[in-house]
Amino acid sequence: MRVQSLGTLLCIVGVLLPAAHCGGQQPAKEGSEASPAAKSGGGKHWTSLSDLATGRFAVFTGTVHDAWAKKHYPKSQVTLFDSTSSLIISLQTGKSDVALLDLITARVIMKTAPGLAILDDKVFDMPLGVGFRKDSKQLRDRFNRFLAGIRADGTWDEMHNRWCMNDPERAVMPDIKVPTTGEEVTLAVSVEDLPYVAYIEDKLVGFDVEMLQRFAVKEKLAMKIVVIDFPALVPALMSGKCDMISDGMAISEERAKSIDFSDTYMTFRTAAVVLASKIAPSRRAETSGAATEPTTFVGKVAQSFHRNLIVERRWLLILRGLWATVVMSFFSTILGTLLGALACAMRLSRSRWMRNVAAGYIAALRGMPVVVLLMLIFYVAFASVNIDPVLVAVLAFGLNFGAYVAEIFRTGIEGIDRGQTEAGIAMGFTKARTFLNIILPQATRNILPVYRGEFISLVKNTSIVGYIGVEDLTRASDIIRSRTFDPFFPLVMVAAIYFFATWFLGLALDYIGRKTDPKLRRKKEVAA
């Protein structure tokens, strides 16, 4: 769940209310200066958030937490993170002193992540709403009527008790049959934490998911759910990529300038989470999580393997992410190689305008970060087009790869002595046959090592596609970390998968290089 702060278009996490008062309103709590002795890392035990006046706050990028911390604790150091898991890992590894989180989410996290405690469970409250485009007033009004209806008939209370008052991890998601025909709408969510949206048993669950699925059934909507990184939810809504956005999203004045919100469907409360060892001993028993860790290295690895892959069948996320990465890499490579060959031919052309067009394409694409290109294509070029984000990723990476490949091809071809072309023509070959039979085999030997490196870079660059809603290998790791808060295993596992994938692909390209090397072919012929 997330919240957007003043002065930003992108949003990230907010916070709910305590399990004992989920839905209640509490006034914002003013910060106060700490005593000189209560410094971050000063060795003193903390009893309240005011003891961290000069501490290191970990908050979500663009959230009200950012503005709140800077306003109430101007001497503090505020660090921004893009996911719950990264924020918790920063706290566990000592990079931050305190993390501002939703209270219910914090309690869920403390069951899995040992050594954490709640320093303050009543920092401030904010209302939550579902986001709609400014031109979707009718859809918003339909949702508001639905919300009023489930509040009146007791459905909201039943959902609220199941997801908020009780343990959200034990909540059973009802089997709701969303219509497959009828008016089509797209809901965009970001998978980060319970009780709002999470992956359990390879299914989207949570209060927001259940509420909006019930809305789809009530209004006979063929609702499709897409998963997008939280910072991209508002841009996705504004550009028409979805019709609704939700994930414990706070209603803020700044965000309301860009999108419309539904009536408030819940309230969240912010809690301050710290390492239990930093809290005064008298308060640890009542605020700390009870999770424990194995003491041996083998035990820790075994527990991490089970928790990150076996529980809730999370290995399915890894397989699906790996498949998406392979598909994008394969087709982007083909597209980029073809575009690079075309641009290379244009660069070597005698036509001045063709050389200029190719040079412009190469300069523009090489001078633009691929993540910017990816988002420009998805949110600007195809803003009004309902297109599969995987196709957008293939196009973006193909265009980027083609710009680099064009120069690789050109330098490899120009590295062959011009006299060889003249000799081929003198022997009666056409220019095309001379290039194919004489120049290209020699150029390939020069091209492949550089091409291999660029190809491996492309495979690794696909890790950014979460910005447009593609669940690749890296995004799968992020989703797992958002449930387990394991600071190392998911990252090490994905790093190992990338390593072996690129190593295998590198061997394949080396094999092609040996097969196309004319010197090696001649040696084999002589040896035979």
Protein backbone atom coordinates (compact mmCIF):
# COMPACT_ATOMS: atom_id res chain seq x y z
CA MET A 1 0.00 0.00 0.00
CA ARG A 2 1.30 3.41 -0.80
CA VAL A 3 0.76 7.11 -0.67
CA GLN A 4 1.86 10.02 -2.81
CA SER A 5 3.46 13.08 -1.24
CA LEU A 6 3.22 16.69 -2.35
CA GLY A 7 5.23 17.61 -5.39
CA THR A 8 5.37 14.25 -7.11
CA LEU A 9 3.43 12.45 -9.81
CA LEU A 10 4.43 8.98 -8.77
CA CYS A 11 3.13 7.28 -5.67
CA ILE A 12 4.30 4.45 -3.48
CA VAL A 13 3.28 3.10 -0.11
CA GLY A 14 0.86 4.28 2.56
CA VAL A 15 -0.37 2.64 5.68
CA LEU A 16 -3.49 1.12 7.28
CA LEU A 17 -4.86 1.13 10.76
CA PRO A 18 -4.02 -1.08 13.69
CA ALA A 19 -5.57 -4.47 13.98
CA ALA A 20 -7.50 -3.33 17.02
CA HIS A 21 -8.80 -0.12 15.42
CA CYS A 22 -8.75 -0.83 11.67
CA GLY A 23 -11.02 1.82 10.19
CA GLY A 24 -10.73 4.37 12.97
CA GLN A 25 -9.34 7.89 12.59
CA GLN A 26 -6.45 9.23 14.66
CA PRO A 27 -5.00 12.73 14.54
CA ALA A 28 -1.58 13.23 13.04
CA LYS A 29 1.18 13.08 15.60
CA GLU A 30 3.60 15.95 15.77
CA GLY A 31 7.30 15.17 16.06
CA SER A 32 9.54 16.77 18.64
CA GLU A 33 13.24 17.35 19.02
CA ALA A 34 15.23 14.62 20.72
CA SER A 35 17.60 15.14 23.59
CA PRO A 36 21.24 15.59 22.59
CA ALA A 37 22.02 12.08 23.82
CA ALA A 38 19.36 10.46 21.59
CA LYS A 39 21.37 10.37 18.42
CA SER A 40 21.23 7.76 15.66
CA GLY A 41 23.73 5.03 16.39
CA GLY A 42 24.61 6.62 19.73
CA GLY A 43 24.12 3.40 21.64
CA LYS A 44 21.01 4.63 23.53
CA HIS A 45 17.77 2.68 23.62
CA TRP A 46 14.80 4.37 21.92
CA THR A 47 11.46 4.83 23.64
CA SER A 48 9.66 7.04 21.10
CA LEU A 49 10.02 8.34 17.56
CA SER A 50 11.23 11.68 18.90
CA ASP A 51 14.45 9.92 19.94
CA LEU A 52 15.25 9.68 16.21
CA ALA A 53 15.17 13.39 15.45
CA THR A 54 18.57 13.05 13.80
CA GLY A 55 18.09 9.44 12.69
CA ARG A 56 17.92 7.79 9.28
CA PHE A 57 14.35 7.36 8.05
CA ALA A 58 13.50 4.77 5.37
CA VAL A 59 10.36 5.69 3.40
CA PHE A 60 8.73 4.92 0.08
CA THR A 61 9.59 7.19 -2.82
CA GLY A 62 7.07 9.99 -3.28
CA THR A 63 4.94 9.12 -0.26
CA VAL A 64 3.52 11.34 2.46
CA HIS A 65 6.03 9.63 4.72
CA ASP A 66 8.78 11.56 2.93
CA ALA A 67 7.12 14.95 3.46
CA TRP A 68 6.04 14.07 6.99
CA ALA A 69 9.54 13.06 8.11
CA LYS A 70 11.13 16.17 6.59
CA LYS A 71 8.51 18.41 8.19
CA HIS A 72 8.54 16.95 11.69
CA TYR A 73 12.18 15.86 11.81
CA PRO A 74 14.07 18.34 9.62
CA LYS A 75 17.44 17.20 10.95
CA SER A 76 16.84 13.57 10.01
CA GLN A 77 18.23 11.81 6.94
CA VAL A 78 15.42 10.49 4.69
CA THR A 79 16.23 7.67 2.24
CA LEU A 80 13.72 6.69 -0.45
CA PHE A 81 12.95 3.11 -1.52
CA ASP A 82 10.71 1.66 -4.22
CA SER A 83 9.47 -1.48 -2.45
CA THR A 84 8.56 -2.79 0.97
CA SER A 85 11.23 -5.47 0.77
CA SER A 86 14.03 -3.01 -0.02
CA LEU A 87 12.92 -0.80 2.82
CA ILE A 88 12.94 -3.66 5.34
CA ILE A 89 16.29 -4.96 4.09
CA SER A 90 17.76 -1.49 4.60
CA LEU A 91 16.53 -1.62 8.18
CA GLN A 92 17.84 -5.16 8.79
CA THR A 93 21.28 -4.38 7.41
CA GLY A 94 21.68 -1.19 9.43
CA LYS A 95 21.44 1.21 6.49
CA SER A 96 18.43 2.89 8.14
CA ASP A 97 17.28 3.42 11.73
CA VAL A 98 13.51 3.49 11.29
CA ALA A 99 11.05 2.52 8.57
CA LEU A 100 7.61 4.08 8.20
CA LEU A 101 5.08 1.39 7.26
CA ASP A 102 1.43 0.45 7.41
CA LEU A 103 0.71 -0.98 10.87
CA ILE A 104 -1.02 -4.15 9.68
CA THR A 105 1.72 -4.75 7.11
CA ALA A 106 4.36 -4.18 9.79
CA ARG A 107 2.80 -6.84 11.99
CA VAL A 108 2.73 -9.29 9.09
CA ILE A 109 6.38 -8.55 8.30
CA MET A 110 7.48 -9.10 11.89
CA LYS A 111 6.28 -12.72 11.71
CA THR A 112 8.74 -13.40 8.91
CA ALA A 113 11.56 -10.95 9.47
CA PRO A 114 13.15 -11.56 12.89
CA GLY A 115 14.61 -8.85 15.07
CA LEU A 116 12.12 -6.08 14.23
CA ALA A 117 9.90 -4.12 16.59
CA ILE A 118 7.30 -1.36 16.44
CA LEU A 119 8.57 1.81 18.08
CA ASP A 120 5.37 3.83 17.51
CA ASP A 121 2.08 2.36 16.26
CA LYS A 122 0.17 5.65 15.94
CA VAL A 123 2.27 7.95 13.77
CA PHE A 124 -0.58 9.29 11.60
CA ASP A 125 -3.64 8.16 9.61
CA MET A 126 -4.82 8.72 6.03
CA PRO A 127 -7.87 7.59 3.98
CA LEU A 128 -7.59 5.06 1.14
CA GLY A 129 -9.38 5.21 -2.21
CA VAL A 130 -9.52 3.57 -5.64
CA GLY A 131 -8.08 5.75 -8.42
CA PHE A 132 -9.97 6.59 -11.63
CA ARG A 133 -9.19 8.75 -14.64
CA LYS A 134 -10.67 12.23 -14.73
CA ASP A 135 -12.87 11.20 -17.69
CA SER A 136 -14.24 8.10 -15.90
CA LYS A 137 -16.75 9.79 -13.61
CA GLN A 138 -19.45 7.25 -14.48
CA LEU A 139 -17.27 4.27 -13.52
CA ARG A 140 -16.22 5.99 -10.30
CA ASP A 141 -19.85 6.72 -9.39
CA ARG A 142 -20.77 3.08 -10.03
CA PHE A 143 -18.00 1.99 -7.67
CA ASN A 144 -19.12 4.47 -5.01
CA ARG A 145 -22.67 3.07 -5.16
CA PHE A 146 -21.25 -0.46 -4.90
CA LEU A 147 -19.12 0.56 -1.90
CA ALA A 148 -22.11 2.06 -0.14
CA GLY A 149 -24.02 -1.16 -0.84
CA ILE A 150 -21.45 -3.53 0.67
CA ARG A 151 -21.15 -1.29 3.71
CA ALA A 152 -24.91 -1.44 4.17
CA ASP A 153 -25.35 -5.20 3.74
CA GLY A 154 -22.43 -6.23 5.95
CA THR A 155 -20.11 -7.50 3.19
CA TRP A 156 -17.53 -4.81 3.92
CA ASP A 157 -17.50 -5.69 7.62
CA GLU A 158 -16.94 -9.37 6.83
CA MET A 159 -14.06 -8.55 4.46
CA HIS A 160 -12.61 -6.05 6.91
CA ASN A 161 -12.63 -8.54 9.78
CA ARG A 162 -11.03 -11.23 7.63
CA TRP A 163 -8.24 -9.10 6.11
CA CYS A 164 -7.64 -6.48 8.84
CA MET A 165 -8.91 -7.52 12.26
CA ASN A 166 -7.56 -11.07 12.01
CA ASP A 167 -4.28 -12.40 10.60
CA PRO A 168 -4.32 -11.42 6.88
CA GLU A 169 -1.94 -14.26 6.01
CA ARG A 170 -4.55 -16.77 7.18
CA ALA A 171 -7.42 -15.06 5.40
CA VAL A 172 -9.13 -17.23 2.80
CA MET A 173 -9.71 -15.51 -0.52
CA PRO A 174 -13.21 -16.41 -1.78
CA ASP A 175 -13.52 -17.88 -5.26
CA ILE A 176 -15.14 -15.00 -7.13
CA LYS A 177 -16.11 -15.71 -10.73
CA VAL A 178 -15.41 -12.48 -12.57
CA PRO A 179 -17.36 -12.23 -15.85
CA THR A 180 -15.38 -12.96 -19.01
CA THR A 181 -17.80 -11.12 -21.30
CA GLY A 182 -19.41 -7.72 -21.12
CA GLU A 183 -17.99 -4.25 -20.58
CA GLU A 184 -14.20 -4.55 -20.38
CA VAL A 185 -12.23 -2.72 -17.71
CA THR A 186 -8.60 -3.01 -16.60
CA LEU A 187 -7.50 -2.81 -13.00
CA ALA A 188 -3.81 -2.10 -12.32
CA VAL A 189 -2.33 -3.10 -8.98
CA SER A 190 1.12 -3.32 -7.48
CA VAL A 191 1.97 -6.48 -5.57
CA GLU A 192 3.73 -5.50 -2.36
CA ASP A 193 2.00 -6.44 0.86
CA LEU A 194 -1.02 -7.69 2.75
CA PRO A 195 -3.78 -6.87 3.54
CA TYR A 196 -4.17 -5.03 0.20
CA VAL A 197 -2.60 -6.97 -2.70
CA ALA A 198 -0.24 -9.95 -2.60
CA TYR A 199 0.61 -13.17 -4.42
CA ILE A 200 -0.30 -16.32 -2.50
CA GLU A 201 -0.30 -19.74 -4.18
CA ASP A 202 0.39 -17.94 -7.47
CA LYS A 203 -2.88 -16.01 -7.17
CA LEU A 204 -3.59 -12.35 -6.48
CA VAL A 205 -5.29 -11.97 -3.12
CA GLY A 206 -6.03 -9.24 -0.62
CA PHE A 207 -8.72 -6.79 0.48
CA ASP A 208 -8.40 -4.60 -2.63
CA VAL A 209 -8.47 -7.57 -5.01
CA GLU A 210 -11.55 -9.10 -3.38
CA MET A 211 -13.37 -5.77 -3.20
CA LEU A 212 -12.82 -4.95 -6.86
CA GLN A 213 -13.61 -8.47 -8.03
CA ARG A 214 -16.93 -8.21 -6.17
CA PHE A 215 -17.47 -4.87 -7.89
CA ALA A 216 -16.86 -6.49 -11.29
CA VAL A 217 -19.41 -9.21 -10.54
CA LYS A 218 -21.98 -6.71 -9.28
CA GLU A 219 -21.64 -4.45 -12.33
CA LYS A 220 -21.13 -7.32 -14.83
CA LEU A 221 -17.67 -6.08 -15.82
CA ALA A 222 -15.11 -8.24 -17.63
CA MET A 223 -12.26 -7.05 -15.42
CA LYS A 224 -8.65 -7.76 -16.28
CA ILE A 225 -6.00 -7.30 -13.56
CA VAL A 226 -2.48 -6.23 -14.54
CA VAL A 227 0.48 -5.91 -12.18
CA ILE A 228 2.61 -2.77 -12.48
CA ASP A 229 5.34 -1.31 -10.28
CA PHE A 230 3.75 1.18 -7.92
CA PRO A 231 5.59 4.28 -9.23
CA ALA A 232 4.04 3.56 -12.64
CA LEU A 233 0.41 3.15 -11.49
CA VAL A 234 -0.61 6.79 -11.82
CA PRO A 235 1.12 7.26 -15.22
CA ALA A 236 -0.53 4.04 -16.41
CA LEU A 237 -3.95 5.35 -15.38
CA MET A 238 -3.41 8.81 -16.88
CA SER A 239 -2.18 7.37 -20.19
CA GLY A 240 -5.20 5.08 -20.53
CA LYS A 241 -3.39 1.79 -19.93
CA CYS A 242 -5.91 0.94 -17.21
CA ASP A 243 -9.28 2.13 -15.94
CA MET A 244 -8.69 1.79 -12.19
CA ILE A 245 -5.71 1.60 -9.86
CA SER A 246 -5.63 0.29 -6.31
CA ASP A 247 -3.24 -1.10 -3.72
CA GLY A 248 -3.84 0.56 -0.37
CA MET A 249 -3.55 3.92 -2.14
CA ALA A 250 -3.91 7.00 0.06
CA ILE A 251 -6.02 9.92 -1.08
CA SER A 252 -3.65 12.87 -1.24
CA GLU A 253 -4.26 16.42 -2.39
CA GLU A 254 -1.44 16.30 -4.92
CA ARG A 255 -2.54 13.03 -6.53
CA ALA A 256 -6.15 14.24 -6.70
CA LYS A 257 -4.99 16.93 -9.14
CA SER A 258 -4.16 14.23 -11.70
CA ILE A 259 -6.73 11.50 -11.02
CA ASP A 260 -10.12 11.09 -9.33
CA PHE A 261 -10.60 9.02 -6.20
CA SER A 262 -13.52 6.97 -5.01
CA ASP A 263 -15.08 7.48 -1.63
CA THR A 264 -12.87 6.30 1.22
CA TYR A 265 -13.02 2.52 1.57
CA MET A 266 -10.59 2.19 4.47
CA THR A 267 -8.13 4.12 6.62
CA PHE A 268 -4.50 3.28 7.13
CA ARG A 269 -2.28 4.01 10.07
CA THR A 270 1.47 4.52 9.85
CA ALA A 271 3.79 2.71 12.25
CA ALA A 272 7.47 3.27 12.94
CA VAL A 273 9.47 0.01 12.73
CA VAL A 274 13.00 -0.37 14.09
CA LEU A 275 15.40 -3.14 15.11
CA ALA A 276 14.22 -4.72 18.34
CA SER A 277 17.71 -4.37 19.82
CA LYS A 278 17.36 -0.59 19.65
CA ILE A 279 14.14 -0.44 21.68
CA ALA A 280 14.15 -0.06 25.44
CA PRO A 281 14.17 -3.58 27.01
CA SER A 282 10.92 -2.93 28.88
CA ARG A 283 9.03 -2.53 25.58
CA ARG A 284 10.57 -5.31 23.47
CA ALA A 285 8.29 -8.12 24.62
CA GLU A 286 5.14 -6.22 23.64
CA THR A 287 6.36 -4.89 20.29
CA SER A 288 8.84 -7.38 18.84
CA GLY A 289 8.19 -10.08 16.30
CA ALA A 290 8.53 -13.67 17.46
CA ALA A 291 10.27 -15.07 14.41
CA THR A 292 13.52 -16.96 15.00
CA GLU A 293 16.36 -17.95 12.71
CA PRO A 294 18.30 -21.24 12.48
CA THR A 295 21.79 -21.03 13.96
CA THR A 296 23.70 -23.09 11.36
CA PHE A 297 24.57 -22.05 7.82
CA VAL A 298 22.96 -25.16 6.31
CA GLY A 299 19.84 -24.58 8.37
CA LYS A 300 19.60 -20.99 7.18
CA VAL A 301 20.01 -21.99 3.53
CA ALA A 302 17.42 -24.75 3.87
CA GLN A 303 14.95 -22.41 5.54
CA SER A 304 15.50 -19.73 2.89
CA PHE A 305 15.03 -22.25 0.08
CA HIS A 306 11.78 -23.51 1.58
CA ARG A 307 10.44 -20.06 2.42
CA ASN A 308 11.33 -18.42 -0.89
CA LEU A 309 10.52 -21.22 -3.33
CA ILE A 310 8.39 -23.96 -1.78
CA VAL A 311 5.93 -22.03 0.39
CA GLU A 312 2.93 -20.81 -1.64
CA ARG A 313 4.56 -22.42 -4.71
CA ARG A 314 6.70 -19.33 -5.28
CA TRP A 315 8.90 -21.29 -7.68
CA LEU A 316 6.12 -20.79 -10.23
CA LEU A 317 6.84 -17.05 -10.16
CA ILE A 318 10.49 -17.74 -10.95
CA LEU A 319 9.62 -20.05 -13.86
CA ARG A 320 7.15 -17.58 -15.29
CA GLY A 321 9.60 -14.72 -14.90
CA LEU A 322 12.41 -16.72 -16.50
CA TRP A 323 10.18 -17.56 -19.46
CA ALA A 324 9.27 -13.88 -19.93
CA THR A 325 12.96 -12.92 -19.81
CA VAL A 326 13.89 -15.58 -22.39
CA VAL A 327 11.07 -14.58 -24.76
CA MET A 328 11.91 -10.88 -24.57
CA SER A 329 15.64 -11.49 -25.00
CA PHE A 330 15.18 -13.83 -27.97
CA PHE A 331 12.83 -11.68 -30.01
CA SER A 332 14.59 -8.42 -29.07
CA THR A 333 17.86 -9.92 -30.33
CA ILE A 334 16.31 -10.92 -33.66
CA LEU A 335 14.63 -7.53 -34.12
CA GLY A 336 17.73 -5.62 -33.02
CA THR A 337 20.02 -7.63 -35.30
CA LEU A 338 17.79 -6.97 -38.31
CA LEU A 339 17.51 -3.27 -37.47
CA GLY A 340 21.26 -3.07 -36.87
CA ALA A 341 22.00 -4.69 -40.23
CA LEU A 342 19.65 -2.25 -41.96
CA ALA A 343 21.14 0.76 -40.18
CA CYS A 344 24.64 -0.49 -40.99
CA ALA A 345 23.77 -0.80 -44.67
CA MET A 346 22.38 2.74 -44.62
CA ARG A 347 25.51 4.03 -42.90
CA LEU A 348 27.67 2.44 -45.62
CA SER A 349 25.39 3.70 -48.38
CA ARG A 350 26.51 6.28 -50.94
CA SER A 351 23.27 8.17 -50.34
CA ARG A 352 23.87 11.10 -48.01
CA TRP A 353 20.29 11.22 -46.64
CA MET A 354 20.37 7.49 -45.83
CA ARG A 355 23.64 7.93 -43.96
CA ASN A 356 22.18 10.87 -42.03
CA VAL A 357 18.99 9.00 -41.12
CA ALA A 358 20.96 6.01 -39.85
CA ALA A 359 23.40 8.24 -37.95
CA GLY A 360 20.46 10.08 -36.32
CA TYR A 361 18.81 6.81 -35.26
CA ILE A 362 22.05 5.49 -33.80
CA ALA A 363 22.87 8.71 -31.95
CA ALA A 364 19.35 9.07 -30.51
CA LEU A 365 19.05 5.50 -29.28
CA ARG A 366 22.57 5.26 -27.90
CA GLY A 367 22.14 8.56 -26.06
CA MET A 368 18.87 7.56 -24.34
CA PRO A 369 18.61 5.32 -21.26
CA VAL A 370 16.72 2.19 -22.21
CA VAL A 371 14.30 2.59 -19.29
CA VAL A 372 13.31 6.03 -20.61
CA LEU A 373 12.84 4.58 -24.10
CA LEU A 374 10.73 1.77 -22.66
CA MET A 375 8.40 4.12 -20.82
CA LEU A 376 8.18 6.59 -23.72
CA ILE A 377 7.03 3.83 -26.06
CA PHE A 378 4.55 2.34 -23.59
CA TYR A 379 3.09 5.50 -22.04
CA VAL A 380 3.46 7.98 -24.91
CA ALA A 381 3.79 6.31 -28.31
CA PHE A 382 1.22 3.61 -27.49
CA ALA A 383 -0.73 5.60 -24.91
CA SER A 384 -4.09 5.05 -26.59
CA VAL A 385 -3.33 1.54 -27.88
CA ASN A 386 -4.18 -1.61 -25.97
CA ILE A 387 -0.91 -3.45 -26.56
CA ASP A 388 0.77 -6.30 -24.73
CA PRO A 389 3.62 -4.84 -22.65
CA VAL A 390 5.84 -7.76 -23.70
CA LEU A 391 5.60 -6.55 -27.31
CA VAL A 392 6.51 -3.05 -26.15
CA ALA A 393 9.53 -4.45 -24.31
CA VAL A 394 10.63 -6.38 -27.42
CA LEU A 395 10.30 -3.23 -29.52
CA ALA A 396 12.15 -1.01 -27.04
CA PHE A 397 15.03 -3.42 -26.44
CA GLY A 398 15.17 -4.26 -30.15
CA LEU A 399 15.48 -0.59 -31.09
CA ASN A 400 18.15 -0.03 -28.47
CA PHE A 401 20.06 -3.18 -29.38
CA GLY A 402 19.88 -2.32 -33.09
CA ALA A 403 21.60 1.03 -32.54
CA TYR A 404 24.61 -0.63 -30.95
CA VAL A 405 24.65 -3.57 -33.34
CA ALA A 406 24.70 -1.21 -36.32
CA GLU A 407 27.99 0.27 -35.18
CA ILE A 408 29.39 -3.16 -34.30
CA PHE A 409 28.59 -4.38 -37.81
CA ARG A 410 29.95 -1.24 -39.46
CA THR A 411 33.29 -1.28 -37.64
CA GLY A 412 33.65 -5.02 -38.27
CA ILE A 413 33.03 -4.63 -42.01
CA GLU A 414 35.22 -1.57 -42.37
CA GLY A 415 38.00 -3.43 -40.57
CA ILE A 416 38.38 -5.72 -43.60
CA ASP A 417 40.89 -4.45 -46.14
CA ARG A 418 39.19 -2.87 -49.15
CA GLY A 419 41.56 -4.76 -51.41
CA GLN A 420 39.67 -7.98 -50.66
CA THR A 421 36.51 -6.51 -52.15
CA GLU A 422 38.42 -5.44 -55.25
CA ALA A 423 40.01 -8.89 -55.55
CA GLY A 424 36.60 -10.56 -55.36
CA ILE A 425 35.18 -8.36 -58.10
CA ALA A 426 38.30 -8.98 -60.22
CA MET A 427 37.63 -12.71 -59.88
CA GLY A 428 34.18 -12.22 -61.40
CA PHE A 429 32.05 -12.13 -58.28
CA THR A 430 29.23 -9.60 -57.99
CA LYS A 431 29.38 -7.10 -55.14
CA ALA A 432 26.73 -9.08 -53.25
CA ARG A 433 28.58 -12.41 -53.67
CA THR A 434 31.86 -10.75 -52.77
CA PHE A 435 30.34 -9.44 -49.55
CA LEU A 436 28.65 -12.74 -48.63
CA ASN A 437 31.51 -15.08 -49.55
CA ILE A 438 34.59 -13.03 -48.73
CA ILE A 439 33.90 -10.00 -46.52
CA LEU A 440 31.16 -11.27 -44.21
CA PRO A 441 32.94 -14.44 -42.96
CA GLN A 442 36.00 -12.40 -42.01
CA ALA A 443 33.95 -9.59 -40.48
CA THR A 444 31.96 -12.08 -38.41
CA ARG A 445 35.12 -13.14 -36.63
CA ASN A 446 35.67 -9.50 -35.59
CA ILE A 447 32.04 -8.81 -34.81
CA LEU A 448 31.07 -11.77 -32.64
CA PRO A 449 33.10 -10.98 -29.47
CA VAL A 450 31.62 -7.47 -29.25
CA TYR A 451 28.17 -8.68 -30.34
CA ARG A 452 28.33 -11.32 -27.60
CA GLY A 453 28.93 -8.69 -24.93
CA GLU A 454 26.14 -6.47 -26.20
CA PHE A 455 23.75 -9.41 -26.32
CA ILE A 456 24.50 -10.30 -22.69
CA SER A 457 23.88 -6.66 -21.74
CA LEU A 458 20.49 -6.86 -23.44
CA VAL A 459 19.52 -9.93 -21.41
CA LYS A 460 20.44 -8.15 -18.18
CA ASN A 461 18.69 -4.93 -19.22
CA THR A 462 15.37 -6.75 -19.41
CA SER A 463 15.28 -6.53 -15.61
CA ILE A 464 13.62 -3.09 -15.86
CA VAL A 465 10.41 -4.24 -17.56
CA GLY A 466 8.51 -4.19 -14.27
CA TYR A 467 7.94 -0.49 -14.98
CA ILE A 468 5.42 -1.44 -17.67
CA GLY A 469 3.85 -4.40 -15.91
CA VAL A 470 5.87 -7.36 -17.23
CA GLU A 471 6.62 -10.01 -14.61
CA ASP A 472 10.15 -10.95 -15.61
CA LEU A 473 12.76 -12.75 -13.53
CA THR A 474 13.74 -9.69 -11.51
CA ARG A 475 10.13 -8.71 -10.87
CA ALA A 476 9.43 -12.27 -9.69
CA SER A 477 12.28 -11.89 -7.20
CA ASP A 478 10.82 -8.60 -5.98
CA ILE A 479 7.40 -10.20 -5.47
CA ILE A 480 8.96 -13.02 -3.46
CA ARG A 481 10.96 -10.58 -1.35
CA SER A 482 7.77 -8.61 -0.68
CA ARG A 483 6.37 -11.75 1.00
CA THR A 484 9.46 -13.21 2.70
CA PHE A 485 11.60 -10.09 3.33
CA ASP A 486 14.64 -12.28 2.92
CA PRO A 487 17.47 -9.82 2.21
CA PHE A 488 19.74 -12.24 0.35
CA PHE A 489 18.34 -15.51 -0.99
CA PRO A 490 15.99 -14.16 -3.74
CA LEU A 491 18.67 -11.78 -5.01
CA VAL A 492 21.42 -14.40 -4.97
CA MET A 493 19.11 -16.91 -6.65
CA VAL A 494 18.18 -14.52 -9.46
CA ALA A 495 21.81 -13.45 -9.87
CA ALA A 496 22.78 -17.11 -10.27
CA ILE A 497 20.02 -17.69 -12.83
CA TYR A 498 21.15 -14.67 -14.86
CA PHE A 499 24.75 -15.84 -14.65
CA PHE A 500 24.04 -19.34 -15.92
CA ALA A 501 21.67 -18.04 -18.60
CA THR A 502 24.20 -15.57 -19.97
CA TRP A 503 27.00 -18.11 -19.65
CA PHE A 504 25.05 -20.67 -21.68
CA LEU A 505 24.11 -18.07 -24.31
CA GLY A 506 27.73 -16.95 -24.46
CA LEU A 507 28.81 -20.54 -25.14
CA ALA A 508 26.26 -20.73 -27.96
CA LEU A 509 27.66 -17.57 -29.57
CA ASP A 510 31.22 -18.86 -29.14
CA TYR A 511 30.18 -22.04 -30.96
CA ILE A 512 28.75 -19.97 -33.82
CA GLY A 513 31.99 -18.00 -33.91
CA ARG A 514 34.07 -21.15 -34.25
CA LYS A 515 31.81 -22.47 -36.99
CA THR A 516 32.06 -19.25 -39.00
CA ASP A 517 35.81 -18.69 -38.52
CA PRO A 518 37.42 -19.37 -41.92
CA LYS A 519 40.85 -20.06 -40.36
CA LEU A 520 39.47 -22.80 -38.14
CA ARG A 521 37.59 -24.31 -41.08
CA ARG A 522 40.79 -24.41 -43.15
CA LYS A 523 42.71 -26.05 -40.29
CA LYS A 524 40.06 -28.75 -40.02
CA GLU A 525 40.14 -29.29 -43.78
CA VAL A 526 43.91 -29.62 -43.75
CA ALA A 527 43.79 -31.96 -40.77
CA ALA A 528 41.21 -34.12 -42.51
